[in-house]
Amino acid sequence: MTLFDDAFDMEESGTEFIFCMLDGILVPFFVEEYRYRSDTTLLVKLEGVDSEEKARRLTNVKVYVEEVPYSLDEDSALSWSFFRGCTVEDAKAGPLGTISRVDTSTINTLFIIKRGNSELLVPAQEEFIQHIDREHRHVVMQLPEGLLSLNDPATAKENVF
């Protein structure tokens, strides 16, 4: 990787994965290891890129760095990976389920919550998170009225465009 932002520091950023622009979409790759070759060049080993052919496909593509830290305040920075496996409850609706993954592939990060045989998509926005119990890996959210019904096909209204 050629670094164009001299303020970027891989170690300080806590970066766990990067996005490569492939065929017009951002594709995430987990960073297995890296080392600096110079002040502006970084050699990166990506998970799943284990052949010269796969590595060649990533030559001269734009790379975007994940904005890793989630923070309620400066002293409590967490990475998005922390939330995988956390139980979630809504302050009004009660238990929602367990976060199976965090989707950071778009500008609006989502918690994918496993609830029985279905999944809930919930915006992972700081203003919706009331409390995080790190020890018990439990998140309390206060979701906007009607948001949970958007995930329920029985109550969601059909939209025609």
Protein backbone atom coordinates (compact mmCIF):
# COMPACT_ATOMS: atom_id res chain seq x y z
CA MET A 1 0.00 0.00 0.00
CA THR A 2 1.17 3.50 -0.77
CA LEU A 3 0.13 5.90 1.97
CA PHE A 4 -1.09 9.32 0.86
CA ASP A 5 -2.08 10.49 4.33
CA ASP A 6 1.08 11.06 6.34
CA ALA A 7 -1.05 11.29 9.50
CA PHE A 8 -2.15 7.65 9.16
CA ASP A 9 -0.41 5.19 11.45
CA MET A 10 -1.42 1.52 11.17
CA GLU A 11 -0.51 0.75 14.80
CA GLU A 12 -2.28 3.75 16.33
CA SER A 13 -5.38 3.27 14.19
CA GLY A 14 -6.06 -0.25 15.50
CA THR A 15 -7.02 -1.20 11.94
CA GLU A 16 -8.33 -4.75 11.70
CA PHE A 17 -9.37 -4.67 8.07
CA ILE A 18 -9.20 -2.57 4.94
CA PHE A 19 -11.56 -2.12 2.00
CA CYS A 20 -10.38 -2.53 -1.58
CA MET A 21 -12.38 -1.01 -4.43
CA LEU A 22 -13.01 -3.99 -6.73
CA ASP A 23 -15.39 -3.79 -9.68
CA GLY A 24 -17.03 -0.67 -8.25
CA ILE A 25 -17.72 -2.02 -4.75
CA LEU A 26 -15.79 -1.90 -1.49
CA VAL A 27 -14.63 -5.39 -0.48
CA PRO A 28 -13.36 -5.90 3.09
CA PHE A 29 -10.13 -7.80 3.78
CA PHE A 30 -8.84 -8.67 7.26
CA VAL A 31 -5.25 -7.59 7.89
CA GLU A 32 -3.18 -10.56 9.10
CA GLU A 33 0.12 -8.72 9.37
CA TYR A 34 1.96 -5.72 8.01
CA ARG A 35 5.31 -3.95 8.05
CA TYR A 36 6.50 -0.58 6.90
CA ARG A 37 8.81 -0.61 3.91
CA SER A 38 9.29 3.17 4.05
CA ASP A 39 7.46 6.21 5.43
CA THR A 40 4.95 5.99 2.59
CA THR A 41 4.91 2.27 1.73
CA LEU A 42 3.32 -0.49 3.74
CA LEU A 43 3.51 -4.22 2.99
CA VAL A 44 0.26 -5.88 4.06
CA LYS A 45 -0.68 -9.57 4.31
CA LEU A 46 -4.44 -9.97 3.88
CA GLU A 47 -6.49 -12.96 4.99
CA GLY A 48 -7.45 -15.13 2.02
CA VAL A 49 -4.86 -13.57 -0.29
CA ASP A 50 -2.51 -16.52 -0.41
CA SER A 51 -1.34 -16.66 -4.02
CA GLU A 52 0.45 -14.39 -6.43
CA GLU A 53 -2.64 -14.40 -8.67
CA LYS A 54 -4.92 -13.17 -5.85
CA ALA A 55 -2.39 -10.53 -4.83
CA ARG A 56 -2.02 -9.31 -8.42
CA ARG A 57 -5.79 -8.63 -8.56
CA LEU A 58 -5.28 -6.10 -5.76
CA THR A 59 -2.51 -4.21 -7.54
CA ASN A 60 -3.27 -0.53 -8.22
CA VAL A 61 -6.68 -0.57 -6.53
CA LYS A 62 -7.86 2.14 -4.16
CA VAL A 63 -7.72 1.09 -0.53
CA TYR A 64 -9.85 2.54 2.23
CA VAL A 65 -9.06 2.05 5.88
CA GLU A 66 -11.76 1.01 8.30
CA GLU A 67 -12.61 3.59 10.92
CA VAL A 68 -12.12 1.06 13.67
CA PRO A 69 -12.68 2.70 17.00
CA TYR A 70 -16.19 3.00 18.30
CA SER A 71 -16.20 5.27 21.29
CA LEU A 72 -18.69 6.60 23.80
CA ASP A 73 -15.88 8.75 25.16
CA GLU A 74 -12.12 9.05 24.74
CA ASP A 75 -11.34 6.53 27.49
CA SER A 76 -13.51 3.68 26.22
CA ALA A 77 -12.53 3.06 22.59
CA LEU A 78 -13.82 -0.27 21.29
CA SER A 79 -13.40 -1.85 17.90
CA TRP A 80 -16.46 -2.99 15.96
CA SER A 81 -15.27 -6.58 16.39
CA PHE A 82 -15.91 -6.24 20.15
CA PHE A 83 -19.66 -6.19 19.51
CA ARG A 84 -19.81 -9.60 17.78
CA GLY A 85 -21.35 -12.00 20.28
CA CYS A 86 -22.80 -9.30 22.53
CA THR A 87 -26.41 -9.63 23.64
CA VAL A 88 -28.61 -6.64 22.86
CA GLU A 89 -31.74 -5.29 24.43
CA ASP A 90 -33.91 -2.32 23.64
CA ALA A 91 -34.85 -0.18 26.64
CA LYS A 92 -38.56 -0.47 25.71
CA ALA A 93 -38.89 -3.70 23.71
CA GLY A 94 -36.59 -5.84 25.87
CA PRO A 95 -34.16 -8.53 24.63
CA LEU A 96 -33.44 -8.41 20.89
CA GLY A 97 -30.87 -11.20 20.46
CA THR A 98 -27.14 -11.57 19.88
CA ILE A 99 -25.00 -9.57 17.46
CA SER A 100 -23.77 -12.11 14.91
CA ARG A 101 -21.80 -9.56 12.88
CA VAL A 102 -21.27 -5.87 12.27
CA ASP A 103 -21.78 -4.66 8.71
CA THR A 104 -19.42 -1.78 7.98
CA SER A 105 -19.61 -2.14 4.20
CA THR A 106 -21.73 0.99 3.82
CA ILE A 107 -21.62 4.44 5.36
CA ASN A 108 -24.29 3.36 7.88
CA THR A 109 -22.81 0.66 10.09
CA LEU A 110 -25.35 -1.99 11.12
CA PHE A 111 -25.55 -4.54 13.91
CA ILE A 112 -26.83 -7.83 12.46
CA ILE A 113 -28.70 -9.34 15.39
CA LYS A 114 -29.61 -13.04 15.42
CA ARG A 115 -33.11 -13.39 16.85
CA GLY A 116 -34.43 -16.93 16.72
CA ASN A 117 -34.53 -17.93 13.05
CA SER A 118 -34.39 -14.36 11.77
CA GLU A 119 -32.03 -11.40 11.72
CA LEU A 120 -32.62 -7.83 12.80
CA LEU A 121 -30.75 -4.98 11.13
CA VAL A 122 -30.16 -2.21 13.65
CA PRO A 123 -28.15 0.99 13.04
CA ALA A 124 -24.98 0.92 15.14
CA GLN A 125 -25.17 4.59 16.04
CA GLU A 126 -23.80 6.07 19.22
CA GLU A 127 -26.99 8.02 19.93
CA PHE A 128 -28.96 4.74 20.10
CA ILE A 129 -26.57 3.04 22.55
CA GLN A 130 -27.42 3.75 26.18
CA HIS A 131 -25.02 1.42 27.94
CA ILE A 132 -22.30 -1.14 27.19
CA ASP A 133 -21.48 -3.73 29.84
CA ARG A 134 -18.04 -4.88 28.69
CA GLU A 135 -17.67 -7.61 31.30
CA HIS A 136 -20.97 -9.32 30.45
CA ARG A 137 -20.84 -8.30 26.75
CA HIS A 138 -24.28 -6.75 26.88
CA VAL A 139 -25.54 -3.65 25.03
CA VAL A 140 -28.62 -1.63 25.97
CA MET A 141 -30.06 0.48 23.16
CA GLN A 142 -32.91 2.93 22.89
CA LEU A 143 -34.10 2.56 19.32
CA PRO A 144 -36.39 5.07 17.61
CA GLU A 145 -40.11 4.29 17.69
CA GLY A 146 -41.08 2.02 14.80
CA LEU A 147 -37.55 0.91 13.88
CA LEU A 148 -38.06 -2.68 15.00
CA SER A 149 -41.27 -2.96 12.98
CA LEU A 150 -39.24 -2.23 9.81
CA ASN A 151 -37.54 -5.61 10.34
CA ASP A 152 -40.89 -7.42 10.66
CA PRO A 153 -42.45 -8.28 7.28
CA ALA A 154 -45.87 -8.67 8.92
CA THR A 155 -45.92 -5.04 10.09
CA ALA A 156 -43.78 -3.34 7.45
CA LYS A 157 -45.66 -1.47 4.77
CA GLU A 158 -44.93 -2.24 1.16
CA ASN A 159 -43.06 0.54 -0.60
CA VAL A 160 -43.56 1.13 -4.30
CA PHE A 161 -41.08 3.23 -6.22
